[in-house]
Amino acid sequence: MQSSPDGKFKFILNYQDHFTKFCILRPIKSKTAAEVAYNLLDIFTTFGAPAILQSDNGREFVAKVIEELALIWKDLKIVHGKPRHPQSQGSVERSNQDTKQLLGTWIRENNSTKWAEGLRFVQFQKNSCFHRVLNNSPYAVLFGNQPKLGLSSTSLHPSIFNDITTEEELTNELGLLTNDALDVNSSASDSEEDELKIDEPNINDELKDNDQLNITEQNEKNDELLTNRAKRTNDIRETARQGQKRQADEFLRNTAKRHKLADLNVGDNVLIPVPDVDRGPTDARNVLAVVMEIKDDKYKLGVEQGIINGYYSFHQISKATGTSTILVENVDQGIKKSLREVVKLQSITGGQGMLKCSCKGGCTTSRCKCKQAKILCNSRCHNSTTCRNK
């Protein structure tokens, strides 16, 4: 939200439980590991801490967050998730899209730019909505019952609770609904008054027995309510678990099918889609590369200018049709370059024109490549260090 900050808040922290899909949204001022850890600590001390913490910001960032949490909370023990885990990252990315849409709707309906205030309502609405895979709302899967809105969620008529402001008024209204029963009990007591006076000691003993019986019955009712709620919660979670298993099985079947269709070997030419941020407006949308190595179903790719950094999975590339244009022996294997650098070298207009300075001094002097080129730093320049050139 850097382009439309709400005062000091420029980012949104989206914390999601992987099983229940219950999300918690927090406005934050920066993306530093220290501030993220401070907000996570508030969540953990309310809902409990997870065993595994996953993030698409890279395992280095997650490791720093865990280190900050360990400094604040000595007894806390979390491990970071495995890299390249689309089952979890895709879920939170979809949650990010839903959050943006719901927040945009809230801003337009309330005609307000205070999106930090609207996050609470967006969080409640998202957690209350029906989830197709869970076959229930995330709120119900986590707590075992549907979310409530005070008296609006009770059986009272709106004409009654609209004028109620205090607990005494609510008690009086509820008392009016049971007056008939109270009158019946009062009449029964009056008719037996003489008998109570005649045998008072025995009646007192009987009243004590009745009180004890009422307490026992109430305890049994409470136990039954707790048992029913626990059973209902377990049933809801079992349904959610089965839904997620069906989705996971479908995901694995589709993945295996796409992987079989790819059928790539060393020496095959592939197309790498280039993100808009890494290319200029007139540059090609894909880069032609050759498969150099296959390791654990991941592909090392190369172009004539050198080896492209990192490994690519099969769903990130597509097999190029026709005869091979780039051969393995034509690749300069002594040089490694990022995809953005490759695009810039192949571009006629000079690529997307943005630099990556990686400064650690705040980008206040001309030593910063971005400042020297009179352009603002972008999101890829820094990991968690402070920048004054944004």
Protein backbone atom coordinates (compact mmCIF):
# COMPACT_ATOMS: atom_id res chain seq x y z
CA MET A 1 0.00 0.00 0.00
CA GLN A 2 3.00 2.31 -0.53
CA SER A 3 1.22 4.24 -3.27
CA SER A 4 -1.71 5.08 -0.94
CA PRO A 5 -0.41 5.06 2.65
CA ASP A 6 -2.72 5.60 5.61
CA GLY A 7 -0.61 7.95 7.70
CA LYS A 8 2.38 5.98 8.94
CA PHE A 9 1.02 2.63 7.69
CA LYS A 10 2.32 1.51 4.28
CA PHE A 11 2.00 -2.30 4.33
CA ILE A 12 -0.43 -5.03 5.34
CA LEU A 13 0.65 -8.12 7.24
CA ASN A 14 -1.49 -11.12 6.28
CA TYR A 15 -1.15 -14.05 8.71
CA GLN A 16 -3.11 -17.17 7.73
CA ASP A 17 -3.54 -20.54 9.38
CA HIS A 18 -2.90 -23.11 6.67
CA PHE A 19 -5.54 -25.61 7.84
CA THR A 20 -8.50 -23.43 8.87
CA LYS A 21 -7.72 -20.59 6.38
CA PHE A 22 -8.42 -18.16 9.25
CA CYS A 23 -6.54 -14.93 8.47
CA ILE A 24 -5.45 -12.03 10.65
CA LEU A 25 -4.70 -8.65 9.04
CA ARG A 26 -2.49 -5.99 10.62
CA PRO A 27 -1.36 -2.60 9.23
CA ILE A 28 2.40 -2.12 9.56
CA LYS A 29 4.80 0.74 8.89
CA SER A 30 7.63 -1.24 7.27
CA LYS A 31 8.59 -4.75 6.17
CA THR A 32 11.50 -5.11 8.57
CA ALA A 33 11.87 -8.40 10.39
CA ALA A 34 11.67 -6.62 13.75
CA GLU A 35 8.27 -5.03 13.09
CA VAL A 36 6.86 -8.19 11.52
CA ALA A 37 8.03 -10.19 14.56
CA TYR A 38 6.44 -7.68 16.96
CA ASN A 39 3.05 -8.01 15.24
CA LEU A 40 3.35 -11.79 15.03
CA LEU A 41 4.04 -11.87 18.76
CA ASP A 42 0.70 -10.16 19.39
CA ILE A 43 -1.04 -12.83 17.30
CA PHE A 44 0.84 -15.74 18.88
CA THR A 45 0.02 -14.65 22.43
CA THR A 46 -3.68 -14.62 21.49
CA PHE A 47 -4.11 -17.71 19.31
CA GLY A 48 -0.93 -19.64 20.07
CA ALA A 49 2.20 -20.03 17.95
CA PRO A 50 2.55 -22.43 14.99
CA ALA A 51 5.16 -25.14 14.68
CA ILE A 52 6.14 -24.00 11.15
CA LEU A 53 6.30 -20.43 9.82
CA GLN A 54 6.13 -20.07 6.03
CA SER A 55 6.56 -16.98 3.87
CA ASP A 56 7.15 -16.24 0.19
CA ASN A 57 9.70 -13.55 1.11
CA GLY A 58 12.49 -16.14 1.21
CA ARG A 59 13.84 -18.35 3.98
CA GLU A 60 16.42 -15.70 4.94
CA PHE A 61 13.64 -13.26 5.83
CA VAL A 62 11.73 -15.92 7.78
CA ALA A 63 14.89 -16.90 9.63
CA LYS A 64 15.38 -13.26 10.69
CA VAL A 65 11.77 -13.05 11.87
CA ILE A 66 12.20 -16.23 13.94
CA GLU A 67 15.42 -14.86 15.44
CA GLU A 68 13.63 -11.66 16.46
CA LEU A 69 10.80 -13.69 18.03
CA ALA A 70 13.31 -15.83 19.93
CA LEU A 71 14.87 -12.70 21.40
CA ILE A 72 11.48 -11.46 22.65
CA TRP A 73 10.01 -14.81 23.72
CA LYS A 74 12.66 -17.22 24.99
CA ASP A 75 10.37 -20.27 25.26
CA LEU A 76 9.06 -19.95 21.69
CA LYS A 77 10.33 -22.51 19.18
CA ILE A 78 9.38 -22.29 15.49
CA VAL A 79 11.05 -23.59 12.35
CA HIS A 80 10.79 -22.00 8.90
CA GLY A 81 8.97 -23.79 6.08
CA LYS A 82 10.60 -25.48 3.12
CA PRO A 83 11.22 -23.30 0.04
CA ARG A 84 9.20 -23.54 -3.16
CA HIS A 85 6.06 -24.83 -1.44
CA PRO A 86 3.23 -23.59 -3.72
CA GLN A 87 0.52 -25.39 -1.70
CA SER A 88 0.93 -22.85 1.11
CA GLN A 89 2.17 -19.82 -0.82
CA GLY A 90 -0.66 -20.07 -3.35
CA SER A 91 -3.19 -20.10 -0.52
CA VAL A 92 -1.91 -16.90 1.07
CA GLU A 93 -1.50 -15.23 -2.33
CA ARG A 94 -5.17 -15.91 -3.02
CA SER A 95 -5.93 -14.48 0.41
CA ASN A 96 -3.98 -11.35 -0.56
CA GLN A 97 -6.13 -10.91 -3.67
CA ASP A 98 -9.35 -11.32 -1.69
CA THR A 99 -8.11 -8.82 0.90
CA LYS A 100 -7.35 -6.22 -1.77
CA GLN A 101 -10.81 -6.60 -3.34
CA LEU A 102 -12.67 -6.48 -0.02
CA LEU A 103 -10.60 -3.53 1.18
CA GLY A 104 -11.27 -1.66 -2.06
CA THR A 105 -14.99 -2.28 -1.64
CA TRP A 106 -14.88 -1.02 1.97
CA ILE A 107 -13.03 2.14 0.90
CA ARG A 108 -15.56 2.92 -1.83
CA GLU A 109 -18.62 2.17 0.32
CA ASN A 110 -17.36 4.27 3.25
CA ASN A 111 -15.75 6.96 1.07
CA SER A 112 -12.69 6.84 3.31
CA THR A 113 -8.95 6.48 2.75
CA LYS A 114 -8.41 5.14 6.28
CA TRP A 115 -7.83 1.58 5.08
CA ALA A 116 -6.00 0.68 8.31
CA GLU A 117 -9.33 1.02 10.12
CA GLY A 118 -11.16 -1.01 7.49
CA LEU A 119 -8.78 -3.98 7.83
CA ARG A 120 -10.63 -5.22 10.94
CA PHE A 121 -13.95 -5.34 9.07
CA VAL A 122 -12.32 -6.96 6.03
CA GLN A 123 -10.76 -9.59 8.31
CA PHE A 124 -14.14 -10.39 9.91
CA GLN A 125 -15.93 -10.55 6.57
CA LYS A 126 -13.31 -12.81 4.99
CA ASN A 127 -13.26 -15.19 7.96
CA SER A 128 -17.07 -15.30 8.02
CA CYS A 129 -17.51 -16.17 4.33
CA PHE A 130 -18.22 -19.72 3.18
CA HIS A 131 -15.10 -21.53 1.92
CA ARG A 132 -15.66 -23.99 -0.90
CA VAL A 133 -12.92 -26.43 0.13
CA LEU A 134 -13.64 -26.30 3.87
CA ASN A 135 -17.40 -26.53 3.24
CA ASN A 136 -17.79 -23.95 6.01
CA SER A 137 -16.41 -20.58 7.09
CA PRO A 138 -12.84 -20.33 8.47
CA TYR A 139 -14.32 -18.88 11.67
CA ALA A 140 -16.52 -21.96 12.19
CA VAL A 141 -13.64 -24.37 11.54
CA LEU A 142 -11.46 -22.59 14.11
CA PHE A 143 -14.02 -21.92 16.88
CA GLY A 144 -16.71 -24.55 16.21
CA ASN A 145 -19.59 -22.11 15.73
CA GLN A 146 -20.65 -19.36 13.37
CA PRO A 147 -19.59 -15.76 14.16
CA LYS A 148 -21.98 -13.71 16.28
CA LEU A 149 -22.99 -10.05 16.16
CA GLY A 150 -24.19 -9.46 19.70
CA LEU A 151 -27.96 -9.27 20.20
CA SER A 152 -28.43 -9.37 16.42
CA SER A 153 -27.44 -13.05 16.56
CA THR A 154 -30.07 -13.91 19.20
CA SER A 155 -33.73 -14.83 18.73
CA LEU A 156 -34.89 -11.46 20.10
CA HIS A 157 -36.95 -9.32 17.75
CA PRO A 158 -35.15 -6.21 16.43
CA SER A 159 -37.87 -4.00 17.89
CA ILE A 160 -36.80 -5.23 21.34
CA PHE A 161 -33.02 -5.02 21.24
CA ASN A 162 -32.79 -1.80 19.21
CA ASP A 163 -33.70 0.26 22.31
CA ILE A 164 -31.63 -1.74 24.81
CA THR A 165 -28.42 -0.10 26.06
CA THR A 166 -27.75 -1.65 29.50
CA GLU A 167 -27.62 -5.12 31.00
CA GLU A 168 -30.50 -4.27 33.36
CA GLU A 169 -32.76 -3.42 30.42
CA LEU A 170 -31.84 -6.68 28.72
CA THR A 171 -32.58 -8.62 31.92
CA ASN A 172 -35.96 -6.92 32.22
CA GLU A 173 -36.86 -7.75 28.63
CA LEU A 174 -35.86 -11.37 29.12
CA GLY A 175 -37.83 -11.40 32.37
CA LEU A 176 -40.99 -10.26 30.59
CA LEU A 177 -40.76 -13.28 28.31
CA THR A 178 -40.82 -15.63 31.33
CA ASN A 179 -43.41 -13.83 33.48
CA ASP A 180 -46.11 -16.40 32.71
CA ALA A 181 -43.92 -19.21 33.98
CA LEU A 182 -43.05 -17.19 37.07
CA ASP A 183 -46.74 -16.53 37.79
CA VAL A 184 -47.52 -20.24 37.58
CA ASN A 185 -44.72 -21.06 40.00
CA SER A 186 -45.89 -18.31 42.36
CA SER A 187 -49.47 -19.68 42.41
CA ALA A 188 -48.23 -23.16 43.17
CA SER A 189 -46.15 -21.80 46.06
CA ASP A 190 -49.16 -19.94 47.57
CA SER A 191 -51.37 -23.02 47.49
CA GLU A 192 -48.80 -25.03 49.43
CA GLU A 193 -47.96 -22.34 52.01
CA ASP A 194 -50.02 -23.91 54.85
CA GLU A 195 -48.41 -27.30 54.36
CA LEU A 196 -44.95 -25.73 54.48
CA LYS A 197 -45.76 -24.11 57.85
CA ILE A 198 -46.99 -27.41 59.33
CA ASP A 199 -43.91 -29.47 58.53
CA GLU A 200 -41.20 -26.80 58.21
CA PRO A 201 -38.13 -28.86 59.26
CA ASN A 202 -38.89 -31.60 56.75
CA ILE A 203 -39.60 -29.05 54.02
CA ASN A 204 -36.25 -27.33 54.62
CA ASP A 205 -34.48 -30.63 54.18
CA GLU A 206 -36.45 -31.21 51.00
CA LEU A 207 -35.53 -27.75 49.68
CA LYS A 208 -31.86 -28.48 50.31
CA ASP A 209 -32.20 -31.75 48.42
CA ASN A 210 -33.95 -29.91 45.56
CA ASP A 211 -31.17 -27.29 45.42
CA GLN A 212 -28.56 -30.01 45.29
CA LEU A 213 -30.56 -31.77 42.59
CA ASN A 214 -30.84 -28.53 40.58
CA ILE A 215 -27.08 -27.97 40.82
CA THR A 216 -26.43 -31.53 39.66
CA GLU A 217 -28.84 -31.16 36.74
CA GLN A 218 -27.26 -27.84 35.74
CA ASN A 219 -23.77 -29.40 35.82
CA GLU A 220 -25.00 -32.26 33.66
CA LYS A 221 -26.52 -29.79 31.20
CA ASN A 222 -23.25 -27.82 31.05
CA ASP A 223 -21.28 -31.01 30.46
CA GLU A 224 -23.70 -31.99 27.71
CA LEU A 225 -23.38 -28.57 26.06
CA LEU A 226 -19.58 -28.78 26.14
CA THR A 227 -19.65 -32.31 24.76
CA ASN A 228 -22.01 -31.30 21.94
CA ARG A 229 -19.86 -28.29 21.07
CA ALA A 230 -16.68 -30.39 21.03
CA LYS A 231 -18.41 -32.97 18.81
CA ARG A 232 -19.71 -30.25 16.49
CA THR A 233 -16.24 -28.69 16.25
CA ASN A 234 -14.64 -32.07 15.48
CA ASP A 235 -17.27 -32.77 12.79
CA ILE A 236 -16.65 -29.37 11.16
CA ARG A 237 -12.88 -29.86 11.19
CA GLU A 238 -13.14 -33.39 9.83
CA THR A 239 -15.24 -32.07 6.93
CA ALA A 240 -12.64 -29.36 6.32
CA ARG A 241 -9.83 -31.93 6.48
CA GLN A 242 -11.54 -34.15 3.90
CA GLY A 243 -12.12 -31.15 1.63
CA GLN A 244 -8.47 -30.17 1.77
CA LYS A 245 -7.41 -33.76 1.07
CA ARG A 246 -9.63 -33.84 -2.03
CA GLN A 247 -8.13 -30.56 -3.21
CA ALA A 248 -4.57 -31.83 -2.56
CA ASP A 249 -5.23 -35.07 -4.47
CA GLU A 250 -6.64 -33.10 -7.40
CA PHE A 251 -3.63 -30.77 -7.30
CA LEU A 252 -1.20 -33.72 -7.40
CA ARG A 253 -3.07 -35.38 -10.28
CA ASN A 254 -3.00 -32.18 -12.34
CA THR A 255 0.66 -31.62 -11.48
CA ALA A 256 1.61 -35.13 -12.58
CA LYS A 257 -0.37 -34.68 -15.79
CA ARG A 258 1.36 -31.37 -16.63
CA HIS A 259 4.74 -32.82 -15.70
CA LYS A 260 4.18 -35.74 -18.05
CA LEU A 261 3.20 -33.38 -20.87
CA ALA A 262 6.37 -31.34 -20.31
CA ASP A 263 8.73 -34.32 -20.79
CA LEU A 264 11.87 -32.16 -20.93
CA ASN A 265 15.41 -33.43 -21.45
CA VAL A 266 18.85 -31.84 -21.40
CA GLY A 267 19.33 -29.86 -24.61
CA ASP A 268 15.64 -29.05 -25.16
CA ASN A 269 14.72 -25.43 -25.78
CA VAL A 270 12.17 -23.83 -23.47
CA LEU A 271 10.39 -20.48 -23.10
CA ILE A 272 10.65 -18.54 -19.82
CA PRO A 273 7.84 -16.01 -19.23
CA VAL A 274 9.29 -12.66 -18.15
CA PRO A 275 7.47 -10.69 -15.43
CA ASP A 276 6.44 -7.16 -16.39
CA VAL A 277 8.73 -5.69 -13.73
CA ASP A 278 11.77 -7.34 -15.36
CA ARG A 279 11.27 -6.16 -18.93
CA GLY A 280 10.72 -2.97 -20.88
CA PRO A 281 7.40 -2.13 -22.53
CA THR A 282 8.67 -3.17 -25.98
CA ASP A 283 10.70 -6.23 -24.92
CA ALA A 284 9.69 -9.82 -25.67
CA ARG A 285 7.39 -11.53 -23.17
CA ASN A 286 9.48 -14.72 -23.19
CA VAL A 287 13.15 -15.64 -23.18
CA LEU A 288 14.34 -18.64 -25.21
CA ALA A 289 16.67 -20.87 -23.17
CA VAL A 290 18.11 -24.38 -23.21
CA VAL A 291 17.95 -27.04 -20.48
CA MET A 292 21.45 -27.45 -19.06
CA GLU A 293 20.80 -29.77 -16.12
CA ILE A 294 17.91 -31.62 -14.42
CA LYS A 295 18.04 -32.02 -10.63
CA ASP A 296 15.12 -33.23 -8.47
CA ASP A 297 12.58 -32.28 -11.18
CA LYS A 298 14.10 -28.77 -11.33
CA TYR A 299 15.78 -27.38 -14.43
CA LYS A 300 18.96 -25.35 -14.74
CA LEU A 301 18.61 -23.13 -17.83
CA GLY A 302 21.07 -21.24 -19.96
CA VAL A 303 21.23 -18.70 -22.77
CA GLU A 304 24.09 -17.62 -24.99
CA GLN A 305 24.97 -14.85 -22.50
CA GLY A 306 25.40 -17.32 -19.60
CA ILE A 307 23.63 -19.51 -17.03
CA ILE A 308 20.40 -18.14 -15.51
CA ASN A 309 20.47 -18.00 -11.71
CA GLY A 310 18.47 -20.58 -9.77
CA TYR A 311 16.45 -23.60 -10.82
CA TYR A 312 13.08 -23.55 -12.56
CA SER A 313 10.21 -25.98 -12.03
CA PHE A 314 8.28 -27.40 -14.98
CA HIS A 315 5.22 -25.18 -14.44
CA GLN A 316 7.40 -22.03 -14.74
CA ILE A 317 8.51 -22.84 -18.29
CA SER A 318 7.07 -24.32 -21.47
CA LYS A 319 8.67 -26.43 -24.15
CA ALA A 320 9.55 -24.52 -27.32
CA THR A 321 8.18 -26.00 -30.52
CA GLY A 322 10.32 -26.69 -33.56
CA THR A 323 14.01 -27.47 -33.80
CA SER A 324 16.47 -26.41 -31.10
CA THR A 325 17.83 -22.91 -31.71
CA ILE A 326 20.17 -22.71 -28.70
CA LEU A 327 22.59 -25.58 -28.13
CA VAL A 328 24.21 -26.49 -24.80
CA GLU A 329 27.71 -25.93 -26.24
CA ASN A 330 26.76 -22.38 -27.28
CA VAL A 331 26.10 -21.33 -23.65
CA ASP A 332 28.87 -19.47 -21.81
CA GLN A 333 28.85 -21.65 -18.66
CA GLY A 334 31.39 -19.49 -16.84
CA ILE A 335 28.92 -16.60 -16.37
CA LYS A 336 25.77 -16.51 -14.23
CA LYS A 337 23.11 -13.85 -14.73
CA SER A 338 19.65 -13.04 -13.44
CA LEU A 339 16.65 -13.16 -15.76
CA ARG A 340 16.42 -9.35 -15.69
CA GLU A 341 20.07 -9.04 -16.79
CA VAL A 342 19.47 -11.52 -19.63
CA VAL A 343 16.44 -9.55 -20.80
CA LYS A 344 18.44 -6.31 -20.68
CA LEU A 345 21.26 -7.84 -22.76
CA GLN A 346 18.77 -9.11 -25.35
CA SER A 347 16.74 -5.88 -25.39
CA ILE A 348 17.13 -3.32 -28.16
CA THR A 349 15.78 -0.46 -26.01
CA GLY A 350 17.83 -1.25 -22.89
CA GLY A 351 15.43 -3.31 -20.78
CA GLN A 352 13.06 -2.00 -18.14
CA GLY A 353 15.44 0.78 -17.10
CA MET A 354 15.43 0.08 -13.35
CA LEU A 355 18.55 -0.60 -11.32
CA LYS A 356 19.18 -2.64 -8.20
CA CYS A 357 21.52 -0.87 -5.81
CA SER A 358 21.57 -3.19 -2.75
CA CYS A 359 22.82 -0.31 -0.60
CA LYS A 360 23.01 -0.70 3.18
CA GLY A 361 23.60 2.94 4.10
CA GLY A 362 20.13 4.33 3.50
CA CYS A 363 20.77 5.48 -0.11
CA THR A 364 21.57 9.04 0.95
CA THR A 365 24.76 9.59 -1.06
CA SER A 366 25.74 9.40 -4.72
CA ARG A 367 27.30 6.00 -4.08
CA CYS A 368 23.80 4.58 -4.53
CA LYS A 369 23.39 3.56 -8.19
CA CYS A 370 19.69 4.44 -8.17
CA LYS A 371 20.28 7.89 -6.67
CA GLN A 372 23.13 8.50 -9.08
CA ALA A 373 20.82 7.64 -11.99
CA LYS A 374 18.15 9.97 -10.46
CA ILE A 375 15.58 7.21 -10.05
CA LEU A 376 13.84 5.87 -6.95
CA CYS A 377 14.78 2.55 -5.40
CA ASN A 378 12.41 -0.33 -6.11
CA SER A 379 11.26 -3.25 -3.97
CA ARG A 380 14.13 -5.47 -5.16
CA CYS A 381 16.90 -3.12 -4.05
CA HIS A 382 16.72 -3.94 -0.35
CA ASN A 383 15.71 -6.83 1.85
CA SER A 384 15.01 -5.21 5.22
CA THR A 385 17.39 -2.22 5.44
CA THR A 386 16.19 1.37 5.66
CA CYS A 387 16.00 3.34 2.41
CA ARG A 388 15.49 7.11 2.00
CA ASN A 389 15.28 7.03 -1.79
CA LYS A 390 11.72 5.77 -2.24
